[in-house]
Amino acid sequence: MAAEDDIVPLSAPIKTKNGDTVTSIFIAKGTVISIPIRGLNRSEEIWGADAKVFNPERWLAEDVLSKNAMQEHRHLLTFIDGPRTCLGKQFAIIEFKAALSVLIRNYKFEFESGKEDMELGKFPGLIDRPKEMSADGPYVPLRVRHV
């Protein structure tokens, strides 16, 4: 919530419906401000034309992002950034890496027999989930075996 009246400059000018060019926005005291994290994490201006495509290789190269890239961990705003960053960010990242390493080391993941060429898509929701395109919900048939 805005603590006082302020004028916020825009990173690029925009044109209004009536043709005026706007370079800043007035924010009145008490205005609730939200950051469109999902939109920024999928921004073509930041990530390029394939921003909405699942492409894990994009994080392997150092020079894949535009000059407008965010500074947050791997340039994602999932945990926000700066002085108000999520207190559990480092814990969540370390916990995820630890759990993933145990799963990969101890289990083999494969699609069910005959399903190797299934078409995968997204099941939209608060959090997008993977789904087999012929399934009704967020379902991907996997066989998990202990190795």
N, C-alpha and C. Protein backbone atom coordinates (compact mmCIF):
# COMPACT_ATOMS: atom_id res chain seq x y z
N MET A 1 0.85 -1.16 0.00
CA MET A 1 0.00 0.00 0.00
C MET A 1 0.91 1.23 0.00
N ALA A 2 0.57 2.21 -0.85
CA ALA A 2 1.38 3.42 -0.94
C ALA A 2 1.28 4.22 0.35
N ALA A 3 2.42 4.56 0.93
CA ALA A 3 2.47 5.30 2.20
C ALA A 3 2.25 6.79 1.99
N GLU A 4 2.48 7.26 0.77
CA GLU A 4 2.29 8.68 0.46
C GLU A 4 2.04 8.84 -1.02
N ASP A 5 1.53 10.00 -1.43
CA ASP A 5 1.36 10.28 -2.85
C ASP A 5 2.72 10.23 -3.53
N ASP A 6 2.76 9.69 -4.74
CA ASP A 6 4.02 9.59 -5.45
C ASP A 6 3.76 9.52 -6.95
N ILE A 7 4.79 9.82 -7.71
CA ILE A 7 4.74 9.70 -9.16
C ILE A 7 5.79 8.66 -9.55
N VAL A 8 5.35 7.60 -10.24
CA VAL A 8 6.23 6.50 -10.61
C VAL A 8 6.54 6.61 -12.10
N PRO A 9 7.83 6.76 -12.47
CA PRO A 9 8.18 6.82 -13.89
C PRO A 9 8.05 5.44 -14.54
N LEU A 10 7.62 5.42 -15.80
CA LEU A 10 7.50 4.17 -16.54
C LEU A 10 8.83 3.88 -17.25
N SER A 11 9.16 2.61 -17.42
CA SER A 11 10.41 2.26 -18.10
C SER A 11 10.35 2.59 -19.58
N ALA A 12 9.14 2.62 -20.14
CA ALA A 12 8.94 3.01 -21.54
C ALA A 12 7.61 3.76 -21.63
N PRO A 13 7.54 4.81 -22.45
CA PRO A 13 6.28 5.54 -22.59
C PRO A 13 5.19 4.65 -23.19
N ILE A 14 3.94 4.93 -22.80
CA ILE A 14 2.80 4.22 -23.38
C ILE A 14 1.81 5.23 -23.93
N LYS A 15 1.01 4.81 -24.91
CA LYS A 15 -0.01 5.68 -25.48
C LYS A 15 -1.37 5.29 -24.92
N THR A 16 -2.16 6.28 -24.54
CA THR A 16 -3.51 6.03 -24.04
C THR A 16 -4.47 5.87 -25.21
N LYS A 17 -5.71 5.51 -24.92
CA LYS A 17 -6.72 5.34 -25.96
C LYS A 17 -6.92 6.62 -26.78
N ASN A 18 -6.81 7.78 -26.11
CA ASN A 18 -7.02 9.04 -26.84
C ASN A 18 -5.75 9.57 -27.51
N GLY A 19 -4.67 8.78 -27.50
CA GLY A 19 -3.46 9.16 -28.21
C GLY A 19 -2.41 9.90 -27.40
N ASP A 20 -2.69 10.21 -26.15
CA ASP A 20 -1.70 10.90 -25.32
C ASP A 20 -0.57 9.93 -24.95
N THR A 21 0.64 10.47 -24.80
CA THR A 21 1.79 9.68 -24.36
C THR A 21 1.98 9.89 -22.87
N VAL A 22 2.08 8.78 -22.14
CA VAL A 22 2.23 8.82 -20.68
C VAL A 22 3.62 8.28 -20.34
N THR A 23 4.36 9.03 -19.52
CA THR A 23 5.71 8.60 -19.12
C THR A 23 5.80 8.30 -17.62
N SER A 24 4.73 8.59 -16.87
CA SER A 24 4.71 8.31 -15.44
C SER A 24 3.27 8.12 -14.99
N ILE A 25 3.12 7.54 -13.81
CA ILE A 25 1.79 7.28 -13.25
C ILE A 25 1.73 7.85 -11.84
N PHE A 26 0.65 8.59 -11.54
CA PHE A 26 0.44 9.11 -10.20
C PHE A 26 -0.17 8.01 -9.34
N ILE A 27 0.41 7.79 -8.17
CA ILE A 27 -0.09 6.81 -7.19
C ILE A 27 -0.49 7.58 -5.94
N ALA A 28 -1.76 7.51 -5.60
CA ALA A 28 -2.26 8.23 -4.42
C ALA A 28 -1.98 7.44 -3.15
N LYS A 29 -1.79 8.15 -2.05
CA LYS A 29 -1.59 7.52 -0.75
C LYS A 29 -2.75 6.56 -0.47
N GLY A 30 -2.41 5.36 0.01
CA GLY A 30 -3.43 4.36 0.32
C GLY A 30 -3.75 3.43 -0.84
N THR A 31 -3.19 3.66 -2.01
CA THR A 31 -3.43 2.79 -3.16
C THR A 31 -2.73 1.45 -2.95
N VAL A 32 -3.46 0.37 -3.17
CA VAL A 32 -2.87 -0.96 -3.07
C VAL A 32 -2.13 -1.24 -4.38
N ILE A 33 -0.87 -1.63 -4.25
CA ILE A 33 -0.03 -1.89 -5.42
C ILE A 33 0.36 -3.36 -5.41
N SER A 34 0.21 -4.02 -6.54
CA SER A 34 0.63 -5.42 -6.63
C SER A 34 1.60 -5.58 -7.79
N ILE A 35 2.49 -6.56 -7.66
CA ILE A 35 3.48 -6.84 -8.69
C ILE A 35 2.99 -8.07 -9.45
N PRO A 36 2.84 -7.97 -10.76
CA PRO A 36 2.36 -9.12 -11.55
C PRO A 36 3.47 -10.15 -11.78
N ILE A 37 3.82 -10.89 -10.73
CA ILE A 37 4.95 -11.82 -10.78
C ILE A 37 4.80 -12.82 -11.91
N ARG A 38 3.64 -13.41 -12.05
CA ARG A 38 3.43 -14.40 -13.12
C ARG A 38 3.66 -13.77 -14.48
N GLY A 39 3.19 -12.55 -14.67
CA GLY A 39 3.40 -11.85 -15.94
C GLY A 39 4.86 -11.55 -16.20
N LEU A 40 5.57 -11.11 -15.18
CA LEU A 40 7.00 -10.81 -15.34
C LEU A 40 7.80 -12.08 -15.60
N ASN A 41 7.44 -13.17 -14.95
CA ASN A 41 8.15 -14.43 -15.16
C ASN A 41 7.89 -15.00 -16.55
N ARG A 42 6.89 -14.46 -17.28
CA ARG A 42 6.57 -14.93 -18.63
C ARG A 42 6.66 -13.80 -19.66
N SER A 43 7.33 -12.73 -19.31
CA SER A 43 7.42 -11.55 -20.17
C SER A 43 8.31 -11.79 -21.39
N GLU A 44 7.75 -11.57 -22.60
CA GLU A 44 8.54 -11.72 -23.82
C GLU A 44 9.61 -10.64 -23.91
N GLU A 45 9.37 -9.49 -23.30
CA GLU A 45 10.36 -8.42 -23.30
C GLU A 45 11.62 -8.84 -22.53
N ILE A 46 11.43 -9.64 -21.48
CA ILE A 46 12.56 -10.10 -20.68
C ILE A 46 13.13 -11.40 -21.22
N TRP A 47 12.26 -12.38 -21.51
CA TRP A 47 12.69 -13.73 -21.84
C TRP A 47 12.79 -14.01 -23.34
N GLY A 48 12.24 -13.14 -24.18
CA GLY A 48 12.28 -13.36 -25.62
C GLY A 48 10.99 -13.98 -26.12
N ALA A 49 10.96 -14.26 -27.43
CA ALA A 49 9.74 -14.74 -28.08
C ALA A 49 9.23 -16.07 -27.52
N ASP A 50 10.12 -16.89 -26.97
CA ASP A 50 9.69 -18.19 -26.44
C ASP A 50 9.44 -18.14 -24.93
N ALA A 51 9.07 -17.00 -24.40
CA ALA A 51 8.89 -16.80 -22.96
C ALA A 51 7.88 -17.75 -22.34
N LYS A 52 6.87 -18.15 -23.08
CA LYS A 52 5.81 -19.00 -22.52
C LYS A 52 6.05 -20.48 -22.79
N VAL A 53 7.20 -20.80 -23.37
CA VAL A 53 7.56 -22.19 -23.69
C VAL A 53 8.44 -22.74 -22.58
N PHE A 54 8.15 -23.97 -22.14
CA PHE A 54 9.00 -24.61 -21.13
C PHE A 54 10.34 -24.91 -21.78
N ASN A 55 11.38 -24.23 -21.32
CA ASN A 55 12.71 -24.35 -21.91
C ASN A 55 13.75 -24.26 -20.80
N PRO A 56 14.01 -25.36 -20.08
CA PRO A 56 14.95 -25.30 -18.96
C PRO A 56 16.37 -24.94 -19.38
N GLU A 57 16.72 -25.12 -20.65
CA GLU A 57 18.06 -24.79 -21.12
C GLU A 57 18.34 -23.29 -21.04
N ARG A 58 17.28 -22.47 -21.00
CA ARG A 58 17.49 -21.01 -20.97
C ARG A 58 18.30 -20.57 -19.74
N TRP A 59 18.28 -21.37 -18.67
CA TRP A 59 19.02 -20.97 -17.47
C TRP A 59 20.45 -21.49 -17.45
N LEU A 60 20.84 -22.27 -18.44
CA LEU A 60 22.19 -22.80 -18.48
C LEU A 60 23.19 -21.80 -19.06
N ALA A 61 22.76 -21.01 -20.04
CA ALA A 61 23.65 -20.02 -20.65
C ALA A 61 23.62 -18.73 -19.84
N GLU A 62 24.72 -18.02 -19.83
CA GLU A 62 24.82 -16.78 -19.04
C GLU A 62 24.27 -15.56 -19.78
N ASP A 63 24.24 -15.59 -21.12
CA ASP A 63 23.91 -14.40 -21.90
C ASP A 63 22.56 -14.47 -22.60
N VAL A 64 21.62 -15.25 -22.06
CA VAL A 64 20.35 -15.44 -22.75
C VAL A 64 19.33 -14.34 -22.47
N LEU A 65 19.54 -13.54 -21.45
CA LEU A 65 18.53 -12.56 -21.07
C LEU A 65 18.81 -11.19 -21.67
N SER A 66 17.74 -10.43 -21.81
CA SER A 66 17.86 -9.08 -22.35
C SER A 66 18.51 -8.15 -21.33
N LYS A 67 18.82 -6.96 -21.78
CA LYS A 67 19.41 -5.96 -20.88
C LYS A 67 18.41 -5.53 -19.82
N ASN A 68 17.12 -5.85 -19.98
CA ASN A 68 16.09 -5.47 -19.01
C ASN A 68 15.86 -6.54 -17.95
N ALA A 69 16.71 -7.54 -17.91
CA ALA A 69 16.50 -8.68 -17.01
C ALA A 69 16.52 -8.25 -15.55
N MET A 70 15.75 -8.98 -14.74
CA MET A 70 15.70 -8.74 -13.31
C MET A 70 16.93 -9.32 -12.65
N GLN A 71 17.24 -8.88 -11.45
CA GLN A 71 18.43 -9.33 -10.75
C GLN A 71 18.17 -10.53 -9.85
N GLU A 72 16.95 -10.86 -9.59
CA GLU A 72 16.57 -11.95 -8.69
C GLU A 72 17.19 -13.28 -9.13
N HIS A 73 17.16 -14.27 -8.24
CA HIS A 73 17.72 -15.61 -8.50
C HIS A 73 17.28 -16.12 -9.87
N ARG A 74 18.21 -16.33 -10.75
CA ARG A 74 17.97 -16.80 -12.12
C ARG A 74 16.94 -15.91 -12.83
N HIS A 75 16.83 -14.68 -12.39
CA HIS A 75 15.99 -13.66 -13.01
C HIS A 75 14.51 -13.99 -12.94
N LEU A 76 14.09 -14.71 -11.91
CA LEU A 76 12.68 -14.99 -11.66
C LEU A 76 12.25 -14.24 -10.42
N LEU A 77 11.04 -13.73 -10.42
CA LEU A 77 10.54 -12.98 -9.27
C LEU A 77 9.66 -13.81 -8.34
N THR A 78 9.76 -15.12 -8.43
CA THR A 78 8.91 -15.99 -7.62
C THR A 78 9.02 -15.66 -6.13
N PHE A 79 10.21 -15.33 -5.66
CA PHE A 79 10.41 -15.02 -4.25
C PHE A 79 10.56 -13.51 -4.00
N ILE A 80 10.24 -12.69 -5.00
CA ILE A 80 10.44 -11.25 -4.95
C ILE A 80 11.95 -10.98 -4.86
N ASP A 81 12.36 -9.76 -4.60
CA ASP A 81 13.77 -9.42 -4.54
C ASP A 81 13.95 -8.18 -3.68
N GLY A 82 15.17 -7.87 -3.37
CA GLY A 82 15.48 -6.66 -2.62
C GLY A 82 15.26 -6.83 -1.13
N PRO A 83 15.03 -5.71 -0.44
CA PRO A 83 14.93 -5.76 1.02
C PRO A 83 13.69 -6.51 1.52
N ARG A 84 12.71 -6.73 0.68
CA ARG A 84 11.49 -7.45 1.10
C ARG A 84 11.40 -8.84 0.49
N THR A 85 12.55 -9.41 0.15
CA THR A 85 12.57 -10.75 -0.42
C THR A 85 12.00 -11.76 0.58
N CYS A 86 11.49 -12.84 0.08
CA CYS A 86 10.92 -13.89 0.92
C CYS A 86 11.98 -14.43 1.87
N LEU A 87 11.68 -14.46 3.16
CA LEU A 87 12.64 -14.95 4.14
C LEU A 87 12.97 -16.43 3.96
N GLY A 88 12.06 -17.18 3.37
CA GLY A 88 12.28 -18.60 3.19
C GLY A 88 12.88 -18.97 1.84
N LYS A 89 13.27 -17.98 1.04
CA LYS A 89 13.76 -18.24 -0.32
C LYS A 89 14.94 -19.22 -0.32
N GLN A 90 16.00 -18.91 0.40
CA GLN A 90 17.19 -19.78 0.40
C GLN A 90 16.87 -21.16 0.93
N PHE A 91 16.05 -21.23 1.98
CA PHE A 91 15.66 -22.52 2.53
C PHE A 91 14.90 -23.33 1.49
N ALA A 92 13.96 -22.69 0.78
CA ALA A 92 13.16 -23.39 -0.23
C ALA A 92 14.04 -23.91 -1.36
N ILE A 93 14.98 -23.10 -1.82
CA ILE A 93 15.86 -23.52 -2.91
C ILE A 93 16.74 -24.69 -2.47
N ILE A 94 17.32 -24.61 -1.28
CA ILE A 94 18.18 -25.69 -0.78
C ILE A 94 17.37 -26.96 -0.55
N GLU A 95 16.19 -26.80 0.03
CA GLU A 95 15.33 -27.97 0.28
C GLU A 95 14.94 -28.64 -1.03
N PHE A 96 14.60 -27.86 -2.04
CA PHE A 96 14.23 -28.42 -3.34
C PHE A 96 15.41 -29.18 -3.95
N LYS A 97 16.60 -28.59 -3.91
CA LYS A 97 17.79 -29.25 -4.47
C LYS A 97 18.09 -30.55 -3.73
N ALA A 98 17.96 -30.55 -2.42
CA ALA A 98 18.23 -31.76 -1.64
C ALA A 98 17.22 -32.86 -1.97
N ALA A 99 15.95 -32.51 -2.01
CA ALA A 99 14.91 -33.50 -2.30
C ALA A 99 15.07 -34.05 -3.72
N LEU A 100 15.35 -33.18 -4.67
CA LEU A 100 15.53 -33.61 -6.05
C LEU A 100 16.73 -34.53 -6.20
N SER A 101 17.82 -34.23 -5.52
CA SER A 101 19.01 -35.08 -5.63
C SER A 101 18.74 -36.47 -5.07
N VAL A 102 17.98 -36.58 -3.98
CA VAL A 102 17.63 -37.89 -3.41
C VAL A 102 16.73 -38.66 -4.36
N LEU A 103 15.75 -37.99 -4.95
CA LEU A 103 14.84 -38.66 -5.88
C LEU A 103 15.57 -39.17 -7.12
N ILE A 104 16.41 -38.33 -7.70
CA ILE A 104 17.13 -38.72 -8.92
C ILE A 104 18.12 -39.85 -8.65
N ARG A 105 18.75 -39.81 -7.49
CA ARG A 105 19.75 -40.84 -7.14
C ARG A 105 19.10 -42.19 -6.85
N ASN A 106 17.89 -42.20 -6.30
CA ASN A 106 17.29 -43.43 -5.82
C ASN A 106 16.14 -43.98 -6.65
N TYR A 107 15.64 -43.20 -7.61
CA TYR A 107 14.47 -43.64 -8.37
C TYR A 107 14.66 -43.40 -9.86
N LYS A 108 13.96 -44.21 -10.65
CA LYS A 108 13.94 -44.03 -12.10
C LYS A 108 12.52 -43.63 -12.48
N PHE A 109 12.40 -42.56 -13.24
CA PHE A 109 11.10 -42.04 -13.66
C PHE A 109 10.95 -42.28 -15.15
N GLU A 110 9.83 -42.89 -15.54
CA GLU A 110 9.59 -43.12 -16.97
C GLU A 110 8.08 -43.09 -17.23
N PHE A 111 7.72 -42.80 -18.47
CA PHE A 111 6.32 -42.82 -18.83
C PHE A 111 5.84 -44.26 -18.89
N GLU A 112 4.54 -44.47 -18.71
CA GLU A 112 3.97 -45.81 -18.81
C GLU A 112 4.26 -46.38 -20.19
N SER A 113 4.31 -47.71 -20.29
CA SER A 113 4.57 -48.37 -21.58
C SER A 113 3.56 -47.89 -22.62
N GLY A 114 4.08 -47.59 -23.80
CA GLY A 114 3.21 -47.14 -24.89
C GLY A 114 2.84 -45.67 -24.82
N LYS A 115 3.29 -44.97 -23.79
CA LYS A 115 2.93 -43.56 -23.62
C LYS A 115 4.12 -42.62 -23.87
N GLU A 116 5.22 -43.17 -24.42
CA GLU A 116 6.43 -42.37 -24.59
C GLU A 116 6.22 -41.16 -25.49
N ASP A 117 5.29 -41.25 -26.42
CA ASP A 117 5.08 -40.15 -27.37
C ASP A 117 3.81 -39.35 -27.06
N MET A 118 3.33 -39.42 -25.82
CA MET A 118 2.10 -38.70 -25.47
C MET A 118 2.31 -37.19 -25.59
N GLU A 119 1.24 -36.49 -25.89
CA GLU A 119 1.31 -35.03 -26.00
C GLU A 119 1.08 -34.43 -24.62
N LEU A 120 2.02 -33.60 -24.18
CA LEU A 120 1.92 -32.96 -22.87
C LEU A 120 1.52 -31.50 -23.03
N GLY A 121 0.78 -31.01 -22.05
CA GLY A 121 0.37 -29.61 -22.04
C GLY A 121 0.28 -29.11 -20.62
N LYS A 122 -0.39 -27.96 -20.45
CA LYS A 122 -0.54 -27.37 -19.12
C LYS A 122 -1.99 -27.42 -18.69
N PHE A 123 -2.20 -27.71 -17.43
CA PHE A 123 -3.52 -27.63 -16.82
C PHE A 123 -3.54 -26.32 -16.05
N PRO A 124 -4.28 -25.31 -16.53
CA PRO A 124 -4.23 -23.99 -15.89
C PRO A 124 -4.92 -23.98 -14.54
N GLY A 125 -4.40 -23.18 -13.65
CA GLY A 125 -4.95 -23.00 -12.32
C GLY A 125 -4.15 -21.94 -11.61
N LEU A 126 -4.30 -21.85 -10.32
CA LEU A 126 -3.49 -20.92 -9.55
C LEU A 126 -2.02 -21.22 -9.80
N ILE A 127 -1.68 -22.50 -9.85
CA ILE A 127 -0.35 -22.96 -10.25
C ILE A 127 -0.57 -23.90 -11.43
N ASP A 128 0.03 -23.59 -12.59
CA ASP A 128 -0.10 -24.47 -13.74
C ASP A 128 0.51 -25.83 -13.43
N ARG A 129 -0.16 -26.88 -13.89
CA ARG A 129 0.33 -28.24 -13.67
C ARG A 129 0.44 -28.93 -15.02
N PRO A 130 1.39 -29.87 -15.15
CA PRO A 130 1.48 -30.60 -16.41
C PRO A 130 0.31 -31.56 -16.54
N LYS A 131 -0.04 -31.88 -17.78
CA LYS A 131 -1.11 -32.84 -18.01
C LYS A 131 -0.92 -33.52 -19.34
N GLU A 132 -1.38 -34.77 -19.40
CA GLU A 132 -1.47 -35.46 -20.68
C GLU A 132 -2.66 -34.84 -21.39
N MET A 133 -2.50 -34.46 -22.64
CA MET A 133 -3.55 -33.71 -23.33
C MET A 133 -4.87 -34.48 -23.43
N SER A 134 -4.83 -35.80 -23.47
CA SER A 134 -6.08 -36.57 -23.56
C SER A 134 -6.74 -36.77 -22.20
N ALA A 135 -6.08 -36.37 -21.11
CA ALA A 135 -6.65 -36.56 -19.76
C ALA A 135 -7.58 -35.40 -19.40
N ASP A 136 -8.50 -35.64 -18.47
CA ASP A 136 -9.46 -34.61 -18.04
C ASP A 136 -8.83 -33.59 -17.10
N GLY A 137 -7.88 -33.99 -16.31
CA GLY A 137 -7.30 -33.09 -15.31
C GLY A 137 -5.79 -33.09 -15.39
N PRO A 138 -5.16 -32.59 -14.32
CA PRO A 138 -3.70 -32.53 -14.31
C PRO A 138 -3.09 -33.91 -14.04
N TYR A 139 -3.03 -34.73 -15.07
CA TYR A 139 -2.60 -36.11 -14.91
C TYR A 139 -1.52 -36.44 -15.94
N VAL A 140 -0.37 -36.93 -15.48
CA VAL A 140 0.69 -37.45 -16.36
C VAL A 140 1.05 -38.82 -15.81
N PRO A 141 0.76 -39.89 -16.57
CA PRO A 141 1.06 -41.24 -16.07
C PRO A 141 2.56 -41.51 -16.05
N LEU A 142 3.10 -41.71 -14.87
CA LEU A 142 4.52 -42.01 -14.69
C LEU A 142 4.69 -43.31 -13.94
N ARG A 143 5.71 -44.03 -14.30
CA ARG A 143 6.11 -45.21 -13.55
C ARG A 143 7.34 -44.80 -12.76
N VAL A 144 7.33 -45.02 -11.47
CA VAL A 144 8.47 -44.68 -10.61
C VAL A 144 8.98 -45.98 -10.01
N ARG A 145 10.29 -46.23 -10.25
CA ARG A 145 10.88 -47.47 -9.75
C ARG A 145 12.11 -47.15 -8.92
N HIS A 146 12.27 -47.87 -7.84
CA HIS A 146 13.46 -47.75 -7.01
C HIS A 146 14.63 -48.40 -7.73
N VAL A 147 15.78 -47.73 -7.75
CA VAL A 147 16.96 -48.32 -8.42
C VAL A 147 17.97 -48.81 -7.42
